[in-house]
PDB file of N, CA and C in Angstrom:
ATOM      1  N   UNK A   1       5.643  -7.579   0.776  1.00  0.00           N
ATOM      2  CA  UNK A   1       5.520  -8.167   2.342  1.00  0.00           C
ATOM      3  C   UNK A   1       7.003  -8.921   2.572  1.00  0.00           C
ATOM      4  N   UNK A   2       7.415  -8.496   3.702  1.00  0.00           N
ATOM      5  CA  UNK A   2       8.313  -9.132   4.196  1.00  0.00           C
ATOM      6  C   UNK A   2       8.252 -10.751   4.532  1.00  0.00           C
ATOM      7  N   UNK A   3       8.868 -11.580   4.122  1.00  0.00           N
ATOM      8  CA  UNK A   3       8.923 -13.232   4.276  1.00  0.00           C
ATOM      9  C   UNK A   3       8.673 -13.498   5.686  1.00  0.00           C
ATOM     10  N   UNK A   4       9.686 -12.794   6.776  1.00  0.00           N
ATOM     11  CA  UNK A   4       9.496 -13.255   7.799  1.00  0.00           C
ATOM     12  C   UNK A   4       7.906 -12.725   8.791  1.00  0.00           C
ATOM     13  N   UNK A   5       7.552 -11.743   8.505  1.00  0.00           N
ATOM     14  CA  UNK A   5       6.022 -11.448   8.811  1.00  0.00           C
ATOM     15  C   UNK A   5       5.276 -12.366   7.991  1.00  0.00           C
ATOM     16  N   UNK A   6       5.302 -13.023   6.699  1.00  0.00           N
ATOM     17  CA  UNK A   6       4.504 -13.919   6.363  1.00  0.00           C
ATOM     18  C   UNK A   6       4.741 -15.165   7.327  1.00  0.00           C
ATOM     19  N   UNK A   7       5.943 -15.517   7.476  1.00  0.00           N
ATOM     20  CA  UNK A   7       6.195 -16.883   8.249  1.00  0.00           C
ATOM     21  C   UNK A   7       5.742 -16.617   9.726  1.00  0.00           C
ATOM     22  N   UNK A   8       5.557 -15.457  10.122  1.00  0.00           N
ATOM     23  CA  UNK A   8       5.200 -15.442  11.893  1.00  0.00           C
ATOM     24  C   UNK A   8       3.727 -15.601  11.321  1.00  0.00           C
ATOM     25  N   UNK A   9       3.219 -14.807  11.015  1.00  0.00           N
ATOM     26  CA  UNK A   9       1.718 -14.921  10.490  1.00  0.00           C
ATOM     27  C   UNK A   9       1.274 -16.574  10.203  1.00  0.00           C
ATOM     28  N   UNK A  10       1.934 -17.242   9.738  1.00  0.00           N
ATOM     29  CA  UNK A  10       1.534 -18.682   9.152  1.00  0.00           C
ATOM     30  C   UNK A  10       1.920 -19.295  10.618  1.00  0.00           C
ATOM     31  N   UNK A  11       2.972 -19.107  11.138  1.00  0.00           N
ATOM     32  CA  UNK A  11       3.219 -19.775  12.374  1.00  0.00           C
ATOM     33  C   UNK A  11       1.803 -19.180  13.540  1.00  0.00           C
ATOM     34  N   UNK A  12       1.319 -18.222  13.277  1.00  0.00           N
ATOM     35  CA  UNK A  12       0.470 -17.588  14.326  1.00  0.00           C
ATOM     36  C   UNK A  12      -0.931 -18.264  13.972  1.00  0.00           C
ATOM     37  N   UNK A  13      -1.192 -18.650  12.662  1.00  0.00           N
ATOM     38  CA  UNK A  13      -2.392 -19.144  12.415  1.00  0.00           C
ATOM     39  C   UNK A  13      -2.429 -20.629  12.637  1.00  0.00           C
ATOM     40  N   UNK A  14      -1.286 -21.153  12.583  1.00  0.00           N
ATOM     41  CA  UNK A  14      -1.128 -22.469  13.020  1.00  0.00           C
ATOM     42  C   UNK A  14      -1.175 -22.764  14.344  1.00  0.00           C
ATOM     43  N   UNK A  15      -0.497 -22.117  15.394  1.00  0.00           N
ATOM     44  CA  UNK A  15      -0.739 -22.016  16.572  1.00  0.00           C
ATOM     45  C   UNK A  15      -2.205 -21.921  16.837  1.00  0.00           C
ATOM     46  N   UNK A  16      -2.583 -20.914  16.607  1.00  0.00           N
ATOM     47  CA  UNK A  16      -4.357 -20.852  16.678  1.00  0.00           C
ATOM     48  C   UNK A  16      -5.133 -21.743  16.432  1.00  0.00           C
ATOM     49  N   UNK A  17      -5.023 -22.763  15.313  1.00  0.00           N
ATOM     50  CA  UNK A  17      -5.446 -23.671  15.064  1.00  0.00           C
ATOM     51  C   UNK A  17      -5.124 -24.928  15.769  1.00  0.00           C
ATOM     52  N   UNK A  18      -3.743 -25.058  16.779  1.00  0.00           N
ATOM     53  CA  UNK A  18      -4.171 -26.128  17.421  1.00  0.00           C
ATOM     54  C   UNK A  18      -4.938 -25.633  18.935  1.00  0.00           C
ATOM     55  N   UNK A  19      -4.606 -24.303  19.390  1.00  0.00           N
ATOM     56  CA  UNK A  19      -5.746 -24.081  20.558  1.00  0.00           C
ATOM     57  C   UNK A  19      -7.134 -24.158  20.546  1.00  0.00           C
ATOM     58  N   UNK A  20      -7.449 -24.203  19.042  1.00  0.00           N
ATOM     59  CA  UNK A  20      -9.230 -24.101  18.655  1.00  0.00           C
ATOM     60  C   UNK A  20      -9.179 -25.703  18.805  1.00  0.00           C
ATOM     61  N   UNK A  21      -8.057 -26.752  18.632  1.00  0.00           N
ATOM     62  CA  UNK A  21      -8.748 -27.777  18.364  1.00  0.00           C
ATOM     63  C   UNK A  21      -8.503 -28.370  19.877  1.00  0.00           C
ATOM     64  N   UNK A  22      -7.812 -27.791  20.414  1.00  0.00           N
ATOM     65  CA  UNK A  22      -7.712 -28.202  22.064  1.00  0.00           C
ATOM     66  C   UNK A  22      -9.001 -27.877  22.749  1.00  0.00           C
ATOM     67  N   UNK A  23      -9.805 -26.608  22.188  1.00  0.00           N
ATOM     68  CA  UNK A  23     -10.614 -26.333  22.944  1.00  0.00           C
ATOM     69  C   UNK A  23     -12.028 -26.774  22.457  1.00  0.00           C
ATOM     70  N   UNK A  24     -12.020 -27.250  21.392  1.00  0.00           N
ATOM     71  CA  UNK A  24     -13.082 -28.389  20.700  1.00  0.00           C
ATOM     72  C   UNK A  24     -13.010 -29.702  21.619  1.00  0.00           C
ATOM     73  N   UNK A  25     -11.507 -30.126  21.546  1.00  0.00           N
ATOM     74  CA  UNK A  25     -11.570 -31.580  22.401  1.00  0.00           C
ATOM     75  C   UNK A  25     -12.181 -31.318  24.044  1.00  0.00           C
ATOM     76  N   UNK A  26     -11.703 -30.038  24.695  1.00  0.00           N
ATOM     77  CA  UNK A  26     -12.388 -29.463  26.032  1.00  0.00           C
ATOM     78  C   UNK A  26     -13.678 -29.366  25.778  1.00  0.00           C
ATOM     79  N   UNK A  27     -14.471 -28.957  24.888  1.00  0.00           N
ATOM     80  CA  UNK A  27     -16.073 -29.235  24.924  1.00  0.00           C
ATOM     81  C   UNK A  27     -16.513 -30.604  24.726  1.00  0.00           C
ATOM     82  N   UNK A  28     -16.065 -31.285  23.683  1.00  0.00           N
ATOM     83  CA  UNK A  28     -16.597 -32.809  23.745  1.00  0.00           C
ATOM     84  C   UNK A  28     -16.297 -33.539  25.172  1.00  0.00           C
ATOM     85  N   UNK A  29     -15.031 -33.344  25.821  1.00  0.00           N
ATOM     86  CA  UNK A  29     -14.974 -33.896  27.352  1.00  0.00           C
ATOM     87  C   UNK A  29     -15.752 -33.161  28.095  1.00  0.00           C
ATOM     88  N   UNK A  30     -15.995 -31.851  28.012  1.00  0.00           N
ATOM     89  CA  UNK A  30     -17.354 -31.720  29.261  1.00  0.00           C
ATOM     90  C   UNK A  30     -18.632 -31.819  28.679  1.00  0.00           C
ATOM     91  N   UNK A  31     -18.846 -32.265  27.630  1.00  0.00           N
ATOM     92  CA  UNK A  31     -20.210 -32.309  27.012  1.00  0.00           C
ATOM     93  C   UNK A  31     -21.118 -33.214  28.274  1.00  0.00           C
ATOM     94  N   UNK A  32     -20.721 -33.935  29.056  1.00  0.00           N
ATOM     95  CA  UNK A  32     -21.341 -34.631  30.145  1.00  0.00           C
ATOM     96  C   UNK A  32     -21.632 -34.039  31.346  1.00  0.00           C
ATOM     97  N   UNK A  33     -21.024 -33.079  31.313  1.00  0.00           N
ATOM     98  CA  UNK A  33     -21.234 -32.233  32.518  1.00  0.00           C
ATOM     99  C   UNK A  33     -22.070 -31.278  32.865  1.00  0.00           C
ATOM    100  N   UNK A  34     -22.918 -31.144  33.628  1.00  0.00           N
ATOM    101  CA  UNK A  34     -24.390 -30.656  33.683  1.00  0.00           C
ATOM    102  C   UNK A  34     -24.007 -29.100  34.796  1.00  0.00           C
ATOM    103  N   UNK A  35     -24.990 -28.367  34.805  1.00  0.00           N
ATOM    104  CA  UNK A  35     -25.004 -27.140  35.316  1.00  0.00           C
ATOM    105  C   UNK A  35     -25.167 -25.909  34.619  1.00  0.00           C
ATOM    106  N   UNK A  36     -25.878 -24.871  34.937  1.00  0.00           N
ATOM    107  CA  UNK A  36     -26.183 -23.958  34.195  1.00  0.00           C
ATOM    108  C   UNK A  36     -24.753 -23.166  34.366  1.00  0.00           C
ATOM    109  N   UNK A  37     -23.667 -23.044  34.894  1.00  0.00           N
ATOM    110  CA  UNK A  37     -22.526 -22.428  34.514  1.00  0.00           C
ATOM    111  C   UNK A  37     -21.853 -23.177  33.602  1.00  0.00           C
ATOM    112  N   UNK A  38     -21.500 -24.247  33.813  1.00  0.00           N
ATOM    113  CA  UNK A  38     -21.239 -25.214  32.634  1.00  0.00           C
ATOM    114  C   UNK A  38     -21.565 -25.077  31.277  1.00  0.00           C
ATOM    115  N   UNK A  39     -22.874 -25.090  31.219  1.00  0.00           N
ATOM    116  CA  UNK A  39     -23.589 -24.910  29.714  1.00  0.00           C
ATOM    117  C   UNK A  39     -23.432 -23.619  29.448  1.00  0.00           C
ATOM    118  N   UNK A  40     -23.702 -22.799  30.163  1.00  0.00           N
ATOM    119  CA  UNK A  40     -23.284 -21.145  29.815  1.00  0.00           C
ATOM    120  C   UNK A  40     -21.767 -20.450  29.099  1.00  0.00           C
ATOM    121  N   UNK A  41     -20.927 -21.691  29.951  1.00  0.00           N
ATOM    122  CA  UNK A  41     -19.364 -21.506  29.384  1.00  0.00           C
ATOM    123  C   UNK A  41     -19.252 -22.266  28.105  1.00  0.00           C
ATOM    124  N   UNK A  42     -19.900 -23.380  28.292  1.00  0.00           N
ATOM    125  CA  UNK A  42     -19.737 -23.905  26.894  1.00  0.00           C
ATOM    126  C   UNK A  42     -20.178 -23.381  25.770  1.00  0.00           C
ATOM    127  N   UNK A  43     -21.656 -22.661  25.702  1.00  0.00           N
ATOM    128  CA  UNK A  43     -21.744 -21.773  24.829  1.00  0.00           C
ATOM    129  C   UNK A  43     -21.229 -20.781  24.082  1.00  0.00           C
ATOM    130  N   UNK A  44     -20.730 -20.005  25.350  1.00  0.00           N
ATOM    131  CA  UNK A  44     -19.750 -18.859  25.270  1.00  0.00           C
ATOM    132  C   UNK A  44     -18.555 -19.747  24.367  1.00  0.00           C
ATOM    133  N   UNK A  45     -17.801 -20.845  24.590  1.00  0.00           N
ATOM    134  CA  UNK A  45     -16.737 -21.234  24.204  1.00  0.00           C
ATOM    135  C   UNK A  45     -16.946 -21.732  22.747  1.00  0.00           C
ATOM    136  N   UNK A  46     -18.249 -22.235  22.416  1.00  0.00           N
ATOM    137  CA  UNK A  46     -18.626 -22.814  20.988  1.00  0.00           C
ATOM    138  C   UNK A  46     -18.344 -21.145  20.419  1.00  0.00           C
ATOM    139  N   UNK A  47     -19.323 -20.505  20.573  1.00  0.00           N
ATOM    140  CA  UNK A  47     -19.312 -19.505  19.801  1.00  0.00           C
ATOM    141  C   UNK A  47     -17.744 -18.602  19.883  1.00  0.00           C
ATOM    142  N   UNK A  48     -17.169 -18.468  20.576  1.00  0.00           N
ATOM    143  CA  UNK A  48     -15.734 -17.903  20.163  1.00  0.00           C
ATOM    144  C   UNK A  48     -15.201 -19.119  19.469  1.00  0.00           C
ATOM    145  N   UNK A  49     -14.966 -20.142  19.564  1.00  0.00           N
ATOM    146  CA  UNK A  49     -14.603 -21.076  18.507  1.00  0.00           C
ATOM    147  C   UNK A  49     -14.927 -20.924  16.889  1.00  0.00           C
ATOM    148  N   UNK A  50     -16.418 -20.646  16.669  1.00  0.00           N
ATOM    149  CA  UNK A  50     -16.533 -20.411  15.702  1.00  0.00           C
ATOM    150  C   UNK A  50     -16.180 -19.548  15.048  1.00  0.00           C
ATOM    151  N   UNK A  51     -16.488 -18.341  16.004  1.00  0.00           N
ATOM    152  CA  UNK A  51     -15.828 -16.729  15.414  1.00  0.00           C
ATOM    153  C   UNK A  51     -14.377 -16.886  14.946  1.00  0.00           C
ATOM    154  N   UNK A  52     -13.460 -17.896  15.956  1.00  0.00           N
ATOM    155  CA  UNK A  52     -12.135 -17.829  15.768  1.00  0.00           C
ATOM    156  C   UNK A  52     -11.737 -18.496  14.341  1.00  0.00           C
ATOM    157  N   UNK A  53     -12.632 -19.527  14.302  1.00  0.00           N
ATOM    158  CA  UNK A  53     -12.262 -20.365  12.876  1.00  0.00           C
ATOM    159  C   UNK A  53     -12.836 -19.682  11.546  1.00  0.00           C
ATOM    160  N   UNK A  54     -13.828 -18.805  12.106  1.00  0.00           N
ATOM    161  CA  UNK A  54     -13.821 -17.669  10.593  1.00  0.00           C
ATOM    162  C   UNK A  54     -13.010 -16.751  10.339  1.00  0.00           C
ATOM    163  N   UNK A  55     -12.366 -15.903  11.511  1.00  0.00           N
ATOM    164  CA  UNK A  55     -11.390 -15.183  11.304  1.00  0.00           C
ATOM    165  C   UNK A  55     -10.120 -15.722  10.597  1.00  0.00           C
ATOM    166  N   UNK A  56      -9.692 -16.955  11.068  1.00  0.00           N
ATOM    167  CA  UNK A  56      -8.599 -17.468  10.514  1.00  0.00           C
ATOM    168  C   UNK A  56      -8.798 -17.931   9.200  1.00  0.00           C
ATOM    169  N   UNK A  57      -9.941 -18.249   8.349  1.00  0.00           N
ATOM    170  CA  UNK A  57     -10.270 -18.651   7.390  1.00  0.00           C
ATOM    171  C   UNK A  57     -10.156 -17.413   6.332  1.00  0.00           C
ATOM    172  N   UNK A  58     -10.613 -16.257   6.946  1.00  0.00           N
ATOM    173  CA  UNK A  58     -10.301 -14.430   6.328  1.00  0.00           C
ATOM    174  C   UNK A  58      -9.040 -14.235   6.396  1.00  0.00           C
ATOM    175  N   UNK A  59      -8.255 -14.671   7.192  1.00  0.00           N
ATOM    176  CA  UNK A  59      -6.762 -14.223   7.211  1.00  0.00           C
ATOM    177  C   UNK A  59      -6.053 -15.093   6.286  1.00  0.00           C
ATOM    178  N   UNK A  60      -6.348 -16.177   6.300  1.00  0.00           N
ATOM    179  CA  UNK A  60      -5.866 -17.130   4.932  1.00  0.00           C
ATOM    180  C   UNK A  60      -6.130 -16.612   3.881  1.00  0.00           C
ATOM    181  N   UNK A  61      -7.284 -16.469   3.417  1.00  0.00           N
ATOM    182  CA  UNK A  61      -7.680 -15.624   2.364  1.00  0.00           C
ATOM    183  C   UNK A  61      -6.922 -14.753   1.992  1.00  0.00           C
ATOM    184  N   UNK A  62      -6.823 -13.517   2.913  1.00  0.00           N
ATOM    185  CA  UNK A  62      -6.182 -12.644   2.701  1.00  0.00           C
ATOM    186  C   UNK A  62      -4.798 -12.898   2.311  1.00  0.00           C
ATOM    187  N   UNK A  63      -3.994 -13.439   2.793  1.00  0.00           N
ATOM    188  CA  UNK A  63      -2.271 -14.057   2.799  1.00  0.00           C
ATOM    189  C   UNK A  63      -2.545 -14.876   1.195  1.00  0.00           C
ATOM    190  N   UNK A  64      -3.489 -15.595   1.029  1.00  0.00           N
ATOM    191  CA  UNK A  64      -3.399 -16.249  -0.461  1.00  0.00           C
ATOM    192  C   UNK A  64      -3.584 -15.068  -1.401  1.00  0.00           C
ATOM    193  N   UNK A  65      -4.721 -14.167  -1.651  1.00  0.00           N
ATOM    194  CA  UNK A  65      -4.558 -13.238  -2.343  1.00  0.00           C
ATOM    195  C   UNK A  65      -3.314 -12.511  -2.630  1.00  0.00           C
ATOM    196  N   UNK A  66      -3.016 -11.853  -1.336  1.00  0.00           N
ATOM    197  CA  UNK A  66      -1.474 -11.286  -1.572  1.00  0.00           C
ATOM    198  C   UNK A  66      -0.718 -11.773  -2.253  1.00  0.00           C
ATOM    199  N   UNK A  67      -0.378 -13.275  -1.817  1.00  0.00           N
ATOM    200  CA  UNK A  67       0.746 -13.974  -2.496  1.00  0.00           C
ATOM    201  C   UNK A  67       0.254 -14.275  -3.978  1.00  0.00           C
ATOM    202  N   UNK A  68      -0.872 -14.368  -4.403  1.00  0.00           N
ATOM    203  CA  UNK A  68      -1.269 -14.195  -5.719  1.00  0.00           C
ATOM    204  C   UNK A  68      -1.036 -13.198  -6.655  1.00  0.00           C
ATOM    205  N   UNK A  69      -1.328 -11.855  -5.786  1.00  0.00           N
ATOM    206  CA  UNK A  69      -1.045 -10.463  -6.663  1.00  0.00           C
ATOM    207  C   UNK A  69       0.477 -10.357  -6.755  1.00  0.00           C
ATOM    208  N   UNK A  70       1.427 -10.913  -5.841  1.00  0.00           N
ATOM    209  CA  UNK A  70       2.901 -10.921  -5.988  1.00  0.00           C
ATOM    210  C   UNK A  70       3.186 -11.769  -6.953  1.00  0.00           C
ATOM    211  N   UNK A  71       2.976 -12.943  -7.097  1.00  0.00           N
ATOM    212  CA  UNK A  71       3.214 -13.692  -8.110  1.00  0.00           C
ATOM    213  C   UNK A  71       3.073 -13.441  -9.656  1.00  0.00           C
ATOM    214  N   UNK A  72       1.603 -12.640  -9.552  1.00  0.00           N
ATOM    215  CA  UNK A  72       1.365 -12.236 -11.250  1.00  0.00           C
ATOM    216  C   UNK A  72       2.465 -10.775 -11.392  1.00  0.00           C
ATOM    217  N   UNK A  73       2.634 -10.304 -10.036  1.00  0.00           N
ATOM    218  CA  UNK A  73       3.365  -9.092 -10.432  1.00  0.00           C
ATOM    219  C   UNK A  73       4.881  -9.737 -11.075  1.00  0.00           C
ATOM    220  N   UNK A  74       5.312 -10.575 -10.051  1.00  0.00           N
ATOM    221  CA  UNK A  74       6.920 -11.343 -10.684  1.00  0.00           C
ATOM    222  C   UNK A  74       6.534 -11.919 -12.117  1.00  0.00           C
ATOM    223  N   UNK A  75       5.298 -12.549 -12.158  1.00  0.00           N
ATOM    224  CA  UNK A  75       5.949 -13.184 -13.880  1.00  0.00           C
ATOM    225  C   UNK A  75       5.387 -12.168 -14.724  1.00  0.00           C
ATOM    226  N   UNK A  76       4.699 -10.744 -14.484  1.00  0.00           N
ATOM    227  CA  UNK A  76       4.835  -9.447 -15.486  1.00  0.00           C
ATOM    228  C   UNK A  76       6.137  -8.901 -15.725  1.00  0.00           C
ATOM    229  N   UNK A  77       6.838  -8.874 -14.497  1.00  0.00           N
ATOM    230  CA  UNK A  77       8.334  -8.450 -14.638  1.00  0.00           C
ATOM    231  C   UNK A  77       8.984  -9.176 -15.325  1.00  0.00           C
ATOM    232  N   UNK A  78       9.039 -10.480 -15.147  1.00  0.00           N
ATOM    233  CA  UNK A  78      10.010 -11.269 -15.504  1.00  0.00           C
ATOM    234  C   UNK A  78       9.648 -11.479 -16.970  1.00  0.00           C
ATOM    235  N   UNK A  79       8.637 -11.423 -17.659  1.00  0.00           N
ATOM    236  CA  UNK A  79       8.144 -11.681 -19.171  1.00  0.00           C
ATOM    237  C   UNK A  79       8.475 -10.482 -19.813  1.00  0.00           C
ATOM    238  N   UNK A  80       8.708  -9.114 -18.864  1.00  0.00           N
ATOM    239  CA  UNK A  80       8.977  -7.539 -19.510  1.00  0.00           C
ATOM    240  C   UNK A  80      10.139  -7.278 -19.834  1.00  0.00           C
ATOM    241  N   UNK A  81      11.031  -8.185 -18.525  1.00  0.00           N
ATOM    242  CA  UNK A  81      12.627  -7.650 -18.190  1.00  0.00           C
ATOM    243  C   UNK A  81      13.253  -9.223 -18.137  1.00  0.00           C
ATOM    244  N   UNK A  82      13.475 -10.158 -19.117  1.00  0.00           N
ATOM    245  CA  UNK A  82      13.639 -11.326 -19.135  1.00  0.00           C
ATOM    246  C   UNK A  82      15.635 -11.438 -18.870  1.00  0.00           C
ATOM    247  N   UNK A  83      16.423 -10.465 -19.276  1.00  0.00           N
ATOM    248  CA  UNK A  83      17.720 -10.522 -19.108  1.00  0.00           C
ATOM    249  C   UNK A  83      18.025 -10.040 -17.906  1.00  0.00           C
ATOM    250  N   UNK A  84      17.389  -9.194 -17.366  1.00  0.00           N
ATOM    251  CA  UNK A  84      17.330  -8.337 -15.897  1.00  0.00           C
ATOM    252  C   UNK A  84      17.236  -9.402 -14.749  1.00  0.00           C
ATOM    253  N   UNK A  85      16.173 -10.542 -15.069  1.00  0.00           N
ATOM    254  CA  UNK A  85      15.667 -11.165 -14.253  1.00  0.00           C
ATOM    255  C   UNK A  85      16.417 -12.343 -14.226  1.00  0.00           C
ATOM    256  N   UNK A  86      17.111 -12.686 -15.237  1.00  0.00           N
ATOM    257  CA  UNK A  86      18.468 -13.774 -15.137  1.00  0.00           C
ATOM    258  C   UNK A  86      19.436 -13.285 -14.942  1.00  0.00           C
ATOM    259  N   UNK A  87      19.867 -11.880 -14.546  1.00  0.00           N
ATOM    260  CA  UNK A  87      20.896 -11.489 -14.040  1.00  0.00           C
ATOM    261  C   UNK A  87      20.401 -11.424 -12.555  1.00  0.00           C
ATOM    262  N   UNK A  88      19.329 -11.010 -12.018  1.00  0.00           N
ATOM    263  CA  UNK A  88      18.655 -11.207 -10.619  1.00  0.00           C
ATOM    264  C   UNK A  88      19.129 -12.324 -10.267  1.00  0.00           C
ATOM    265  N   UNK A  89      18.859 -13.469 -10.943  1.00  0.00           N
ATOM    266  CA  UNK A  89      18.669 -14.987 -10.466  1.00  0.00           C
ATOM    267  C   UNK A  89      20.188 -15.271 -10.166  1.00  0.00           C
ATOM    268  N   UNK A  90      20.934 -15.189 -11.225  1.00  0.00           N
ATOM    269  CA  UNK A  90      22.237 -15.493 -11.381  1.00  0.00           C
ATOM    270  C   UNK A  90      23.122 -14.929  -9.958  1.00  0.00           C
ATOM    271  N   UNK A  91      22.777 -13.623  -9.516  1.00  0.00           N
ATOM    272  CA  UNK A  91      23.535 -13.001  -8.571  1.00  0.00           C
ATOM    273  C   UNK A  91      22.807 -13.378  -7.390  1.00  0.00           C
ATOM    274  N   UNK A  92      21.779 -13.753  -6.990  1.00  0.00           N
ATOM    275  CA  UNK A  92      21.160 -14.309  -6.187  1.00  0.00           C
ATOM    276  C   UNK A  92      21.741 -15.766  -6.172  1.00  0.00           C
ATOM    277  N   UNK A  93      21.883 -16.670  -6.978  1.00  0.00           N
ATOM    278  CA  UNK A  93      22.338 -17.954  -6.940  1.00  0.00           C
ATOM    279  C   UNK A  93      24.131 -17.715  -6.318  1.00  0.00           C
ATOM    280  N   UNK A  94      24.952 -16.977  -6.962  1.00  0.00           N
ATOM    281  CA  UNK A  94      26.102 -16.848  -6.337  1.00  0.00           C
ATOM    282  C   UNK A  94      26.144 -16.261  -4.909  1.00  0.00           C
ATOM    283  N   UNK A  95      25.338 -15.600  -4.685  1.00  0.00           N
ATOM    284  CA  UNK A  95      25.353 -15.297  -3.041  1.00  0.00           C
ATOM    285  C   UNK A  95      25.032 -16.701  -2.141  1.00  0.00           C
ATOM    286  N   UNK A  96      23.957 -17.198  -2.652  1.00  0.00           N
ATOM    287  CA  UNK A  96      23.622 -18.446  -1.813  1.00  0.00           C
ATOM    288  C   UNK A  96      24.892 -19.579  -1.866  1.00  0.00           C
ATOM    289  N   UNK A  97      25.563 -19.450  -3.040  1.00  0.00           N
ATOM    290  CA  UNK A  97      26.408 -20.623  -3.334  1.00  0.00           C
ATOM    291  C   UNK A  97      27.799 -20.206  -2.269  1.00  0.00           C
ATOM    292  N   UNK A  98      28.021 -18.766  -2.195  1.00  0.00           N
ATOM    293  CA  UNK A  98      28.872 -18.257  -1.233  1.00  0.00           C
ATOM    294  C   UNK A  98      28.971 -18.694   0.318  1.00  0.00           C
ATOM    295  N   UNK A  99      27.452 -18.516   0.625  1.00  0.00           N
ATOM    296  CA  UNK A  99      27.034 -18.862   1.774  1.00  0.00           C
ATOM    297  C   UNK A  99      26.986 -20.083   1.916  1.00  0.00           C
ATOM    298  N   UNK A 100      26.541 -20.893   1.247  1.00  0.00           N
ATOM    299  CA  UNK A 100      26.899 -22.388   1.263  1.00  0.00           C
ATOM    300  C   UNK A 100      28.304 -22.801   2.012  1.00  0.00           C
ATOM    301  N   UNK A 101      29.093 -21.960   0.725  1.00  0.00           N
ATOM    302  CA  UNK A 101      30.514 -22.377   0.540  1.00  0.00           C
ATOM    303  C   UNK A 101      31.329 -22.091   2.204  1.00  0.00           C
ATOM    304  N   UNK A 102      30.378 -21.205   2.745  1.00  0.00           N
ATOM    305  CA  UNK A 102      31.627 -20.914   3.942  1.00  0.00           C
ATOM    306  C   UNK A 102      31.195 -21.746   4.960  1.00  0.00           C
ATOM    307  N   UNK A 103      29.711 -22.203   5.465  1.00  0.00           N
ATOM    308  CA  UNK A 103      30.041 -23.180   6.139  1.00  0.00           C
ATOM    309  C   UNK A 103      30.481 -24.570   5.988  1.00  0.00           C
TER     310      UNK A 103
END
């Protein structure tokens, strides 16, 4: 999976957590408000926040599972092809070194 996709997903999850925290803060701030309409909206918002938290947890678990699979595949490859892995690491280091040196 592309690193940009993972970074975007992580940022989305972080942003969503902020929105949920704000929603929970709003729920606490309006706790003293009365009326049927307010009570109904509070209930609906509480349900949505609970549901969103569960979806975030599931998404994070999915990312964690895929990361573990990728790490295991990488470990297996490195153990089966140590010299190729060293060559790849050296080439990547040379490219990073050249990029840093350009600036």
